[in-house]
Amino acid sequence: MSRSVAFPLRDLGCSGGSASAIERVIGGLPGVSSVYVNPVTDTAYLEVEDPKFQPAALRSALGGLGIGGTGSAAGSRQPAAPLRLDARAFGLAAGVTAAALFSICATAVAVAPAWSMAMATDLFHLDISGLATRITWGGYVGGVLAWGAGTALAFGSAALLYNRWASEPRRVD
């Protein structure tokens, strides 16, 4: 015999996960035959089989995602903890992206210099036809390293500052 259960959630919007990911986790629990998560109402709607369903398993699975049941009256939600960025991964991803974009642009200049200069002139609304378009291996390697490392440092530092400022308590005067 199955029954319907409406399970109120908290911190659903700030979990970093989507409703479909939460549905996959809840749907894999013993005794759950179907699940629908409504992010607007912060509620999970379940069809459960009475003998197999364990509410503790549901709370544990949701806790692993950073989400929990309210367990209290509506309107008594705790503020979510601020998002923390992995500064090293954020900086590395930005640096690799910048190096890849530099490589694409340098390849375009090396393969089709006239087209690349025309494209850059159109993009920046400047006449840059007098600039040199020759790419050397040293210039290429230096550009990849400078753009990659510079961007990685800038974005990693920005993530560290964000983490510091986001974790400081805010004063309300």
Protein backbone atom coordinates (compact mmCIF):
# COMPACT_ATOMS: atom_id res chain seq x y z
CA MET A 1 0.00 0.00 0.00
CA SER A 2 1.41 3.40 -0.94
CA ARG A 3 0.73 6.82 0.50
CA SER A 4 1.52 10.41 -0.43
CA VAL A 5 3.94 12.44 1.66
CA ALA A 6 4.73 16.16 1.38
CA PHE A 7 8.15 16.81 2.89
CA PRO A 8 9.05 20.50 3.48
CA LEU A 9 12.64 21.37 2.59
CA ARG A 10 14.96 24.14 3.66
CA ASP A 11 17.91 25.76 1.85
CA LEU A 12 16.76 24.27 -1.45
CA GLY A 13 17.62 27.36 -3.50
CA CYS A 14 21.10 27.67 -2.04
CA SER A 15 22.11 24.02 -2.23
CA GLY A 16 23.96 24.26 -5.52
CA GLY A 17 21.96 21.29 -6.78
CA SER A 18 19.02 21.13 -9.08
CA ALA A 19 15.60 19.76 -8.28
CA SER A 20 16.21 16.87 -10.71
CA ALA A 21 19.39 15.86 -8.86
CA ILE A 22 17.48 15.89 -5.57
CA GLU A 23 14.72 13.81 -7.17
CA ARG A 24 17.31 11.23 -8.31
CA VAL A 25 18.70 10.90 -4.78
CA ILE A 26 15.29 10.66 -3.10
CA GLY A 27 13.95 8.35 -5.82
CA GLY A 28 16.75 5.88 -5.10
CA LEU A 29 15.72 5.43 -1.47
CA PRO A 30 13.99 2.18 -0.47
CA GLY A 31 10.23 2.51 -0.37
CA VAL A 32 10.01 5.60 -2.59
CA SER A 33 8.00 4.85 -5.74
CA SER A 34 7.91 8.40 -7.16
CA VAL A 35 9.11 11.86 -6.20
CA TYR A 36 8.62 15.43 -7.39
CA VAL A 37 10.57 18.39 -5.96
CA ASN A 38 8.97 21.80 -6.30
CA PRO A 39 11.71 24.45 -5.89
CA VAL A 40 9.14 27.24 -5.70
CA THR A 41 7.43 25.85 -2.60
CA ASP A 42 10.58 24.14 -1.21
CA THR A 43 8.67 20.87 -0.92
CA ALA A 44 9.32 17.28 -1.98
CA TYR A 45 6.20 15.30 -2.86
CA LEU A 46 6.68 11.54 -2.51
CA GLU A 47 4.70 8.38 -3.12
CA VAL A 48 6.01 5.85 -0.60
CA GLU A 49 5.38 2.23 0.31
CA ASP A 50 4.71 2.11 4.05
CA PRO A 51 6.76 -0.91 5.17
CA LYS A 52 9.97 0.08 3.34
CA PHE A 53 10.02 3.87 3.72
CA GLN A 54 12.37 5.27 6.38
CA PRO A 55 12.09 9.03 7.06
CA ALA A 56 15.55 8.96 8.67
CA ALA A 57 17.06 7.76 5.38
CA LEU A 58 15.37 10.68 3.61
CA ARG A 59 16.76 13.20 6.11
CA SER A 60 20.22 11.64 5.82
CA ALA A 61 20.17 11.70 2.00
CA LEU A 62 19.04 15.32 1.97
CA GLY A 63 21.65 16.25 4.57
CA GLY A 64 24.33 14.84 2.26
CA LEU A 65 23.16 17.32 -0.38
CA GLY A 66 23.19 20.22 2.07
CA ILE A 67 19.40 20.27 2.29
CA GLY A 68 17.20 19.27 5.16
CA GLY A 69 13.64 19.07 6.24
CA THR A 70 12.35 22.09 8.10
CA GLY A 71 11.14 20.14 11.10
CA SER A 72 9.61 23.34 12.43
CA ALA A 73 6.91 25.82 11.64
CA ALA A 74 6.95 27.53 8.27
CA GLY A 75 8.60 30.93 8.27
CA SER A 76 11.35 29.97 10.74
CA ARG A 77 14.01 29.37 8.10
CA GLN A 78 17.62 29.90 9.05
CA PRO A 79 19.69 32.05 6.69
CA ALA A 80 21.83 29.93 4.39
CA ALA A 81 25.57 29.84 4.87
CA PRO A 82 27.42 31.93 2.28
CA LEU A 83 28.71 30.17 -0.80
CA ARG A 84 32.44 29.47 -0.63
CA LEU A 85 34.53 29.23 -3.77
CA ASP A 86 37.44 26.85 -4.28
CA ALA A 87 39.95 29.59 -5.12
CA ARG A 88 42.55 27.22 -6.56
CA ALA A 89 40.08 25.46 -8.88
CA PHE A 90 38.42 28.76 -9.86
CA GLY A 91 41.76 30.38 -10.71
CA LEU A 92 43.01 27.30 -12.57
CA ALA A 93 39.83 27.05 -14.66
CA ALA A 94 40.01 30.74 -15.56
CA GLY A 95 43.74 30.50 -16.39
CA VAL A 96 43.30 27.46 -18.63
CA THR A 97 40.38 29.17 -20.38
CA ALA A 98 42.42 32.34 -20.97
CA ALA A 99 45.38 30.32 -22.30
CA ALA A 100 43.07 28.40 -24.66
CA LEU A 101 41.49 31.61 -25.95
CA PHE A 102 44.94 33.14 -26.49
CA SER A 103 45.96 30.02 -28.43
CA ILE A 104 42.88 30.27 -30.65
CA CYS A 105 43.52 33.95 -31.37
CA ALA A 106 47.24 33.41 -32.01
CA THR A 107 46.45 30.54 -34.38
CA ALA A 108 43.97 32.73 -36.25
CA VAL A 109 46.60 35.48 -36.62
CA ALA A 110 49.24 32.98 -37.77
CA VAL A 111 46.95 31.23 -40.29
CA ALA A 112 44.90 34.17 -41.60
CA PRO A 113 46.56 37.46 -40.62
CA ALA A 114 44.52 39.69 -42.97
CA TRP A 115 41.20 38.22 -41.82
CA SER A 116 42.26 38.41 -38.16
CA MET A 117 43.24 42.08 -38.45
CA ALA A 118 39.99 42.90 -40.24
CA MET A 119 38.03 41.10 -37.51
CA ALA A 120 39.92 42.91 -34.75
CA THR A 121 39.41 46.26 -36.52
CA ASP A 122 35.68 45.60 -36.68
CA LEU A 123 35.52 44.43 -33.05
CA PHE A 124 37.43 47.34 -31.53
CA HIS A 125 36.45 50.05 -34.06
CA LEU A 126 40.11 50.97 -34.41
CA ASP A 127 42.37 50.90 -37.43
CA ILE A 128 45.06 48.45 -36.35
CA SER A 129 46.23 47.56 -39.85
CA GLY A 130 49.66 49.06 -39.13
CA LEU A 131 50.38 46.65 -36.25
CA ALA A 132 52.67 43.68 -36.78
CA THR A 133 50.83 40.37 -37.23
CA ARG A 134 53.78 38.01 -37.15
CA ILE A 135 53.61 35.37 -34.43
CA THR A 136 56.85 33.81 -33.16
CA TRP A 137 57.12 30.69 -31.02
CA GLY A 138 58.61 32.73 -28.20
CA GLY A 139 55.80 35.25 -28.39
CA TYR A 140 53.25 32.47 -28.45
CA VAL A 141 54.68 30.63 -25.44
CA GLY A 142 55.12 33.89 -23.54
CA GLY A 143 51.56 34.93 -24.32
CA VAL A 144 50.11 31.59 -23.22
CA LEU A 145 52.06 31.72 -19.96
CA ALA A 146 51.34 35.39 -19.27
CA TRP A 147 47.61 35.19 -20.05
CA GLY A 148 47.18 31.83 -18.30
CA ALA A 149 49.13 32.66 -15.15
CA GLY A 150 47.91 36.26 -14.95
CA THR A 151 44.28 35.27 -15.29
CA ALA A 152 44.68 32.39 -12.82
CA LEU A 153 46.19 34.74 -10.23
CA ALA A 154 43.55 37.41 -10.77
CA PHE A 155 40.59 35.03 -10.54
CA GLY A 156 42.09 33.02 -7.67
CA SER A 157 42.68 36.24 -5.73
CA ALA A 158 39.15 37.41 -6.46
CA ALA A 159 37.80 34.10 -5.11
CA LEU A 160 39.90 34.43 -1.93
CA LEU A 161 38.63 37.98 -1.36
CA TYR A 162 35.06 36.87 -2.00
CA ASN A 163 35.40 34.03 0.52
CA ARG A 164 36.81 36.41 3.12
CA TRP A 165 34.16 39.08 2.61
CA ALA A 166 31.28 36.61 2.32
CA SER A 167 32.15 34.96 5.65
CA GLU A 168 32.36 38.23 7.62
CA PRO A 169 29.25 39.07 9.62
CA ARG A 170 27.32 41.99 8.18
CA ARG A 171 26.52 44.95 10.37
CA VAL A 172 23.06 46.36 10.15
CA ASP A 173 22.90 49.85 11.62
